[in-house]
């Protein structure tokens, strides 16, 4: 995990094997960047280094980040797609993960219990991004 710009600077040297593994995976798989602001200096350094080394890696890359301004979202989405073959997913990390679980069609029993219990807080924290997500969708998921 990169915490600061200084950590990022030092991490290339200190964590060479981790970065090599990330590069190798990025060549073969789609990459999802979640929880990073596209305006964050450290994130941009990681992103640009990967892009410079791998070009348009994998078939697609995705960045998951909440974007409140529709004009900025439209510009950023177009720019990231055209310049970096990266799709912008306008979601919070939490709503993104819930949508993935719903798409998968099943959930671990303990996670389901926690999601149901925490749903009011989830709704409050993700108010602008919750759109069509409903507690009933989680409650009716098959348990695995």
N, C-alpha and C. Protein backbone atom coordinates (compact mmCIF):
# COMPACT_ATOMS: atom_id res chain seq x y z
N UNK A 1 0.85 -1.17 0.00
CA UNK A 1 0.00 0.00 0.00
C UNK A 1 0.89 1.24 0.00
N UNK A 2 0.58 2.18 -0.86
CA UNK A 2 1.33 3.42 -0.93
C UNK A 2 0.57 4.46 -0.13
N UNK A 3 1.23 5.06 0.85
CA UNK A 3 0.54 5.99 1.73
C UNK A 3 0.82 7.45 1.40
N UNK A 4 2.04 7.76 1.01
CA UNK A 4 2.41 9.15 0.73
C UNK A 4 3.25 9.19 -0.54
N UNK A 5 3.50 10.39 -1.03
CA UNK A 5 4.35 10.53 -2.21
C UNK A 5 5.76 10.02 -1.92
N UNK A 6 6.26 10.27 -0.72
CA UNK A 6 7.59 9.77 -0.35
C UNK A 6 7.61 8.25 -0.32
N UNK A 7 6.53 7.64 0.22
CA UNK A 7 6.43 6.18 0.22
C UNK A 7 6.46 5.64 -1.20
N UNK A 8 5.73 6.31 -2.09
CA UNK A 8 5.70 5.87 -3.48
C UNK A 8 7.11 5.93 -4.07
N UNK A 9 7.79 7.05 -3.84
CA UNK A 9 9.14 7.24 -4.37
C UNK A 9 10.06 6.11 -3.88
N UNK A 10 9.99 5.80 -2.60
CA UNK A 10 10.86 4.77 -2.02
C UNK A 10 10.37 3.36 -2.35
N UNK A 11 9.09 3.21 -2.57
CA UNK A 11 8.54 1.87 -2.72
C UNK A 11 9.01 1.15 -3.97
N UNK A 12 9.31 1.87 -5.03
CA UNK A 12 9.83 1.21 -6.24
C UNK A 12 11.08 0.42 -5.91
N UNK A 13 11.94 1.00 -5.11
CA UNK A 13 13.19 0.34 -4.75
C UNK A 13 12.93 -0.75 -3.69
N UNK A 14 12.15 -0.42 -2.68
CA UNK A 14 11.93 -1.32 -1.55
C UNK A 14 11.04 -2.50 -1.93
N UNK A 15 10.05 -2.26 -2.75
CA UNK A 15 9.06 -3.29 -3.07
C UNK A 15 9.12 -3.73 -4.53
N UNK A 16 10.29 -3.84 -5.06
CA UNK A 16 10.47 -4.16 -6.47
C UNK A 16 9.68 -5.41 -6.89
N UNK A 17 9.72 -6.46 -6.10
CA UNK A 17 9.02 -7.69 -6.45
C UNK A 17 7.51 -7.49 -6.55
N UNK A 18 6.95 -6.68 -5.64
CA UNK A 18 5.51 -6.40 -5.67
C UNK A 18 5.17 -5.66 -6.96
N UNK A 19 5.95 -4.63 -7.29
CA UNK A 19 5.69 -3.87 -8.52
C UNK A 19 5.85 -4.74 -9.76
N UNK A 20 6.83 -5.62 -9.75
CA UNK A 20 7.01 -6.54 -10.88
C UNK A 20 5.78 -7.44 -11.03
N UNK A 21 5.24 -7.91 -9.91
CA UNK A 21 4.05 -8.76 -9.95
C UNK A 21 2.84 -7.98 -10.48
N UNK A 22 2.70 -6.73 -10.03
CA UNK A 22 1.60 -5.89 -10.52
C UNK A 22 1.72 -5.68 -12.02
N UNK A 23 2.92 -5.38 -12.49
CA UNK A 23 3.13 -5.18 -13.93
C UNK A 23 2.79 -6.45 -14.71
N UNK A 24 3.21 -7.59 -14.19
CA UNK A 24 2.96 -8.85 -14.87
C UNK A 24 1.45 -9.13 -14.95
N UNK A 25 0.74 -8.93 -13.84
CA UNK A 25 -0.71 -9.14 -13.83
C UNK A 25 -1.42 -8.16 -14.76
N UNK A 26 -0.96 -6.91 -14.77
CA UNK A 26 -1.59 -5.88 -15.60
C UNK A 26 -1.45 -6.19 -17.08
N UNK A 27 -0.40 -6.92 -17.45
CA UNK A 27 -0.23 -7.30 -18.85
C UNK A 27 -1.26 -8.34 -19.28
N UNK A 28 -1.70 -9.18 -18.34
CA UNK A 28 -2.57 -10.30 -18.66
C UNK A 28 -4.03 -10.10 -18.28
N UNK A 29 -4.30 -9.20 -17.35
CA UNK A 29 -5.65 -9.07 -16.79
C UNK A 29 -6.14 -7.63 -16.84
N UNK A 30 -7.44 -7.48 -16.76
CA UNK A 30 -8.00 -6.15 -16.60
C UNK A 30 -7.59 -5.62 -15.23
N UNK A 31 -7.41 -4.31 -15.14
CA UNK A 31 -6.98 -3.68 -13.91
C UNK A 31 -8.10 -2.81 -13.38
N UNK A 32 -8.40 -2.93 -12.09
CA UNK A 32 -9.38 -2.07 -11.45
C UNK A 32 -8.67 -1.25 -10.39
N UNK A 33 -8.72 0.07 -10.56
CA UNK A 33 -8.17 0.99 -9.56
C UNK A 33 -9.36 1.47 -8.73
N UNK A 34 -9.42 1.08 -7.47
CA UNK A 34 -10.55 1.46 -6.62
C UNK A 34 -10.04 2.23 -5.41
N UNK A 35 -10.77 3.28 -5.08
CA UNK A 35 -10.45 4.03 -3.87
C UNK A 35 -9.41 5.11 -4.07
N UNK A 36 -9.05 5.40 -5.29
CA UNK A 36 -8.08 6.45 -5.56
C UNK A 36 -8.76 7.61 -6.24
N UNK A 37 -8.36 8.80 -5.87
CA UNK A 37 -8.83 9.99 -6.57
C UNK A 37 -7.97 10.17 -7.80
N UNK A 38 -8.59 10.46 -8.91
CA UNK A 38 -7.82 10.68 -10.14
C UNK A 38 -7.03 11.98 -10.08
N UNK A 39 -7.26 12.78 -9.06
CA UNK A 39 -6.46 13.99 -8.90
C UNK A 39 -5.33 13.80 -7.90
N UNK A 40 -5.23 12.61 -7.31
CA UNK A 40 -4.19 12.32 -6.32
C UNK A 40 -2.83 12.15 -7.01
N UNK A 41 -1.85 12.89 -6.54
CA UNK A 41 -0.51 12.89 -7.13
C UNK A 41 0.11 11.49 -7.12
N UNK A 42 0.03 10.81 -5.99
CA UNK A 42 0.65 9.48 -5.87
C UNK A 42 -0.02 8.49 -6.80
N UNK A 43 -1.36 8.50 -6.83
CA UNK A 43 -2.08 7.60 -7.73
C UNK A 43 -1.67 7.86 -9.18
N UNK A 44 -1.61 9.13 -9.57
CA UNK A 44 -1.24 9.45 -10.95
C UNK A 44 0.15 8.92 -11.27
N UNK A 45 1.07 8.99 -10.32
CA UNK A 45 2.42 8.45 -10.56
C UNK A 45 2.37 6.95 -10.83
N UNK A 46 1.63 6.22 -10.01
CA UNK A 46 1.52 4.77 -10.21
C UNK A 46 0.88 4.49 -11.57
N UNK A 47 -0.21 5.18 -11.85
CA UNK A 47 -0.96 4.99 -13.09
C UNK A 47 -0.08 5.29 -14.30
N UNK A 48 0.60 6.43 -14.29
CA UNK A 48 1.41 6.83 -15.44
C UNK A 48 2.63 5.92 -15.64
N UNK A 49 3.22 5.43 -14.54
CA UNK A 49 4.35 4.50 -14.68
C UNK A 49 3.87 3.22 -15.35
N UNK A 50 2.73 2.69 -14.90
CA UNK A 50 2.19 1.49 -15.53
C UNK A 50 1.87 1.75 -17.00
N UNK A 51 1.24 2.87 -17.27
CA UNK A 51 0.87 3.18 -18.64
C UNK A 51 2.11 3.35 -19.53
N UNK A 52 3.12 4.04 -19.01
CA UNK A 52 4.35 4.24 -19.79
C UNK A 52 5.03 2.92 -20.10
N UNK A 53 5.06 2.02 -19.13
CA UNK A 53 5.74 0.74 -19.31
C UNK A 53 4.93 -0.26 -20.12
N UNK A 54 3.62 -0.24 -19.94
CA UNK A 54 2.79 -1.27 -20.56
C UNK A 54 1.92 -0.77 -21.70
N UNK A 55 1.88 0.54 -21.90
CA UNK A 55 0.99 1.09 -22.92
C UNK A 55 -0.44 0.81 -22.55
N UNK A 56 -1.25 0.47 -23.51
CA UNK A 56 -2.66 0.20 -23.22
C UNK A 56 -2.77 -1.25 -22.76
N UNK A 57 -2.41 -1.46 -21.47
CA UNK A 57 -2.35 -2.79 -20.90
C UNK A 57 -3.71 -3.46 -20.86
N UNK A 58 -3.66 -4.75 -20.92
CA UNK A 58 -4.87 -5.59 -20.83
C UNK A 58 -5.93 -5.11 -21.81
N UNK A 59 -7.06 -5.75 -21.76
CA UNK A 59 -8.13 -5.36 -22.66
C UNK A 59 -8.81 -4.09 -22.18
N UNK A 60 -8.85 -3.91 -20.90
CA UNK A 60 -9.46 -2.71 -20.33
C UNK A 60 -8.92 -2.47 -18.93
N UNK A 61 -8.99 -1.22 -18.53
CA UNK A 61 -8.75 -0.86 -17.14
C UNK A 61 -9.95 -0.05 -16.68
N UNK A 62 -10.15 -0.07 -15.38
CA UNK A 62 -11.28 0.64 -14.79
C UNK A 62 -10.79 1.42 -13.59
N UNK A 63 -11.35 2.58 -13.38
CA UNK A 63 -11.09 3.31 -12.15
C UNK A 63 -12.42 3.63 -11.50
N UNK A 64 -12.53 3.26 -10.23
CA UNK A 64 -13.76 3.44 -9.48
C UNK A 64 -13.55 4.61 -8.54
N UNK A 65 -14.36 5.65 -8.73
CA UNK A 65 -14.21 6.85 -7.92
C UNK A 65 -15.50 7.66 -7.96
N UNK A 66 -15.96 8.18 -6.82
CA UNK A 66 -17.16 9.00 -6.84
C UNK A 66 -16.85 10.38 -7.43
N UNK A 67 -17.68 10.81 -8.37
CA UNK A 67 -17.50 12.11 -9.03
C UNK A 67 -18.83 12.84 -8.98
N UNK A 68 -18.88 13.92 -8.24
CA UNK A 68 -20.14 14.63 -8.02
C UNK A 68 -20.54 15.52 -9.19
N UNK A 69 -19.57 16.10 -9.87
CA UNK A 69 -19.86 17.07 -10.94
C UNK A 69 -20.06 16.33 -12.27
N UNK A 70 -21.28 16.37 -12.84
CA UNK A 70 -21.57 15.64 -14.09
C UNK A 70 -20.71 16.11 -15.27
N UNK A 71 -20.41 17.39 -15.33
CA UNK A 71 -19.57 17.91 -16.42
C UNK A 71 -18.16 17.34 -16.32
N UNK A 72 -17.62 17.34 -15.11
CA UNK A 72 -16.29 16.79 -14.89
C UNK A 72 -16.29 15.28 -15.17
N UNK A 73 -17.32 14.60 -14.74
CA UNK A 73 -17.43 13.16 -14.99
C UNK A 73 -17.41 12.87 -16.49
N UNK A 74 -18.19 13.63 -17.26
CA UNK A 74 -18.24 13.43 -18.70
C UNK A 74 -16.88 13.68 -19.35
N UNK A 75 -16.23 14.78 -18.97
CA UNK A 75 -14.91 15.10 -19.53
C UNK A 75 -13.89 14.02 -19.14
N UNK A 76 -13.87 13.66 -17.86
CA UNK A 76 -12.90 12.67 -17.37
C UNK A 76 -13.13 11.32 -18.03
N UNK A 77 -14.38 10.90 -18.14
CA UNK A 77 -14.69 9.61 -18.76
C UNK A 77 -14.19 9.57 -20.20
N UNK A 78 -14.46 10.62 -20.94
CA UNK A 78 -14.03 10.67 -22.34
C UNK A 78 -12.50 10.68 -22.42
N UNK A 79 -11.87 11.51 -21.61
CA UNK A 79 -10.42 11.63 -21.63
C UNK A 79 -9.72 10.32 -21.25
N UNK A 80 -10.18 9.68 -20.17
CA UNK A 80 -9.56 8.43 -19.72
C UNK A 80 -9.75 7.32 -20.74
N UNK A 81 -10.91 7.27 -21.38
CA UNK A 81 -11.16 6.24 -22.39
C UNK A 81 -10.28 6.47 -23.61
N UNK A 82 -10.24 7.71 -24.10
CA UNK A 82 -9.47 8.01 -25.31
C UNK A 82 -7.96 7.90 -25.09
N UNK A 83 -7.48 8.40 -23.96
CA UNK A 83 -6.04 8.48 -23.73
C UNK A 83 -5.43 7.25 -23.06
N UNK A 84 -6.22 6.57 -22.22
CA UNK A 84 -5.66 5.48 -21.43
C UNK A 84 -6.45 4.19 -21.50
N UNK A 85 -7.49 4.13 -22.36
CA UNK A 85 -8.32 2.93 -22.48
C UNK A 85 -8.82 2.48 -21.10
N UNK A 86 -9.20 3.48 -20.31
CA UNK A 86 -9.65 3.23 -18.94
C UNK A 86 -11.06 3.77 -18.77
N UNK A 87 -11.96 2.90 -18.31
CA UNK A 87 -13.34 3.31 -18.08
C UNK A 87 -13.48 3.85 -16.67
N UNK A 88 -14.11 5.01 -16.54
CA UNK A 88 -14.38 5.60 -15.24
C UNK A 88 -15.73 5.08 -14.75
N UNK A 89 -15.74 4.51 -13.55
CA UNK A 89 -16.97 4.00 -12.93
C UNK A 89 -17.30 4.96 -11.78
N UNK A 90 -18.36 5.74 -11.97
CA UNK A 90 -18.73 6.75 -10.99
C UNK A 90 -19.51 6.10 -9.84
N UNK A 91 -18.78 5.57 -8.89
CA UNK A 91 -19.35 4.88 -7.73
C UNK A 91 -18.43 5.10 -6.54
N UNK A 92 -18.99 4.97 -5.34
CA UNK A 92 -18.13 4.84 -4.18
C UNK A 92 -17.62 3.40 -4.17
N UNK A 93 -16.59 3.15 -3.40
CA UNK A 93 -16.09 1.78 -3.31
C UNK A 93 -17.19 0.85 -2.78
N UNK A 94 -17.94 1.33 -1.78
CA UNK A 94 -18.99 0.51 -1.18
C UNK A 94 -20.08 0.14 -2.18
N UNK A 95 -20.59 1.13 -2.92
CA UNK A 95 -21.66 0.82 -3.88
C UNK A 95 -21.14 -0.06 -5.01
N UNK A 96 -19.90 0.15 -5.41
CA UNK A 96 -19.29 -0.69 -6.43
C UNK A 96 -19.24 -2.14 -5.98
N UNK A 97 -18.80 -2.35 -4.74
CA UNK A 97 -18.70 -3.72 -4.22
C UNK A 97 -20.07 -4.37 -4.08
N UNK A 98 -21.07 -3.62 -3.65
CA UNK A 98 -22.43 -4.19 -3.55
C UNK A 98 -22.92 -4.59 -4.93
N UNK A 99 -22.68 -3.75 -5.94
CA UNK A 99 -23.11 -4.09 -7.30
C UNK A 99 -22.40 -5.36 -7.81
N UNK A 100 -21.11 -5.51 -7.46
CA UNK A 100 -20.40 -6.73 -7.86
C UNK A 100 -21.01 -7.96 -7.20
N UNK A 101 -21.32 -7.86 -5.92
CA UNK A 101 -21.94 -8.99 -5.20
C UNK A 101 -23.29 -9.33 -5.83
N UNK A 102 -24.08 -8.31 -6.13
CA UNK A 102 -25.39 -8.56 -6.75
C UNK A 102 -25.23 -9.21 -8.13
N UNK A 103 -24.24 -8.76 -8.89
CA UNK A 103 -24.00 -9.34 -10.21
C UNK A 103 -23.56 -10.80 -10.09
N UNK A 104 -22.81 -11.10 -9.05
CA UNK A 104 -22.35 -12.48 -8.83
C UNK A 104 -23.51 -13.39 -8.46
N UNK A 105 -24.50 -12.83 -7.75
CA UNK A 105 -25.71 -13.59 -7.46
C UNK A 105 -25.71 -14.38 -6.16
N UNK A 106 -24.64 -14.30 -5.38
CA UNK A 106 -24.63 -14.96 -4.07
C UNK A 106 -23.68 -14.21 -3.14
N UNK A 107 -23.85 -14.51 -1.83
CA UNK A 107 -23.09 -13.78 -0.81
C UNK A 107 -22.80 -14.73 0.35
N UNK A 108 -21.68 -14.53 1.01
CA UNK A 108 -21.36 -15.31 2.20
C UNK A 108 -22.35 -14.93 3.31
N UNK A 109 -22.78 -15.92 4.06
CA UNK A 109 -23.79 -15.70 5.10
C UNK A 109 -23.41 -14.59 6.08
N UNK A 110 -22.17 -14.60 6.58
CA UNK A 110 -21.73 -13.58 7.54
C UNK A 110 -21.71 -12.19 6.93
N UNK A 111 -21.31 -12.10 5.66
CA UNK A 111 -21.30 -10.80 4.99
C UNK A 111 -22.72 -10.30 4.78
N UNK A 112 -23.62 -11.21 4.46
CA UNK A 112 -25.02 -10.83 4.27
C UNK A 112 -25.59 -10.27 5.58
N UNK A 113 -25.34 -10.96 6.67
CA UNK A 113 -25.83 -10.49 7.98
C UNK A 113 -25.29 -9.09 8.30
N UNK A 114 -24.01 -8.90 8.05
CA UNK A 114 -23.40 -7.60 8.32
C UNK A 114 -23.97 -6.51 7.41
N UNK A 115 -24.15 -6.84 6.13
CA UNK A 115 -24.69 -5.86 5.18
C UNK A 115 -26.10 -5.44 5.58
N UNK A 116 -26.92 -6.40 5.98
CA UNK A 116 -28.30 -6.09 6.40
C UNK A 116 -28.27 -5.20 7.65
N UNK A 117 -27.44 -5.57 8.60
CA UNK A 117 -27.33 -4.80 9.85
C UNK A 117 -26.83 -3.38 9.59
N UNK A 118 -25.87 -3.23 8.68
CA UNK A 118 -25.23 -1.93 8.43
C UNK A 118 -25.93 -1.12 7.33
N UNK A 119 -27.00 -1.63 6.75
CA UNK A 119 -27.64 -0.98 5.61
C UNK A 119 -28.01 0.48 5.87
N UNK A 120 -28.60 0.84 7.02
CA UNK A 120 -28.93 2.26 7.24
C UNK A 120 -27.69 3.17 7.16
N UNK A 121 -26.58 2.72 7.72
CA UNK A 121 -25.35 3.50 7.64
C UNK A 121 -24.82 3.54 6.21
N UNK A 122 -24.92 2.42 5.51
CA UNK A 122 -24.51 2.34 4.11
C UNK A 122 -25.28 3.36 3.27
N UNK A 123 -26.61 3.40 3.47
CA UNK A 123 -27.44 4.36 2.73
C UNK A 123 -27.03 5.80 3.03
N UNK A 124 -26.79 6.09 4.28
CA UNK A 124 -26.40 7.44 4.68
C UNK A 124 -25.05 7.82 4.09
N UNK A 125 -24.08 6.93 4.17
CA UNK A 125 -22.73 7.22 3.68
C UNK A 125 -22.65 7.33 2.16
N UNK A 126 -23.55 6.67 1.46
CA UNK A 126 -23.47 6.59 -0.01
C UNK A 126 -24.69 7.19 -0.69
N UNK A 127 -25.33 8.10 -0.03
CA UNK A 127 -26.60 8.67 -0.47
C UNK A 127 -26.64 9.04 -1.95
N UNK A 128 -25.66 9.73 -2.45
CA UNK A 128 -25.67 10.21 -3.84
C UNK A 128 -25.41 9.11 -4.86
N UNK A 129 -24.91 7.96 -4.42
CA UNK A 129 -24.49 6.92 -5.36
C UNK A 129 -25.30 5.64 -5.25
N UNK A 130 -26.23 5.59 -4.31
CA UNK A 130 -26.97 4.36 -4.06
C UNK A 130 -27.99 4.04 -5.15
N UNK A 131 -28.51 5.07 -5.81
CA UNK A 131 -29.48 4.96 -6.90
C UNK A 131 -30.46 3.80 -6.71
N UNK A 132 -30.32 2.74 -7.49
CA UNK A 132 -31.29 1.65 -7.50
C UNK A 132 -30.99 0.52 -6.52
N UNK A 133 -29.97 0.65 -5.69
CA UNK A 133 -29.66 -0.40 -4.73
C UNK A 133 -30.69 -0.40 -3.60
N UNK A 134 -31.14 -1.60 -3.23
CA UNK A 134 -32.15 -1.74 -2.18
C UNK A 134 -31.74 -2.85 -1.22
N UNK A 135 -32.11 -2.67 0.03
CA UNK A 135 -31.83 -3.69 1.03
C UNK A 135 -32.42 -5.03 0.62
N UNK A 136 -33.60 -5.01 0.03
CA UNK A 136 -34.25 -6.27 -0.40
C UNK A 136 -33.38 -7.05 -1.39
N UNK A 137 -32.57 -6.34 -2.20
CA UNK A 137 -31.69 -7.02 -3.13
C UNK A 137 -30.66 -7.88 -2.39
N UNK A 138 -30.15 -7.35 -1.29
CA UNK A 138 -29.18 -8.10 -0.47
C UNK A 138 -29.88 -9.23 0.27
N UNK A 139 -31.05 -8.92 0.84
CA UNK A 139 -31.78 -9.92 1.62
C UNK A 139 -32.18 -11.15 0.81
N UNK A 140 -32.40 -10.97 -0.49
CA UNK A 140 -32.84 -12.09 -1.31
C UNK A 140 -31.69 -12.84 -1.99
N UNK A 141 -30.47 -12.38 -1.80
CA UNK A 141 -29.31 -13.09 -2.38
C UNK A 141 -29.16 -14.48 -1.78
N UNK A 142 -28.76 -15.43 -2.60
CA UNK A 142 -28.46 -16.78 -2.13
C UNK A 142 -27.20 -16.71 -1.26
N UNK A 143 -27.18 -17.50 -0.22
CA UNK A 143 -26.02 -17.56 0.67
C UNK A 143 -25.09 -18.68 0.25
N UNK A 144 -23.83 -18.42 0.31
CA UNK A 144 -22.80 -19.44 0.00
C UNK A 144 -21.87 -19.54 1.16
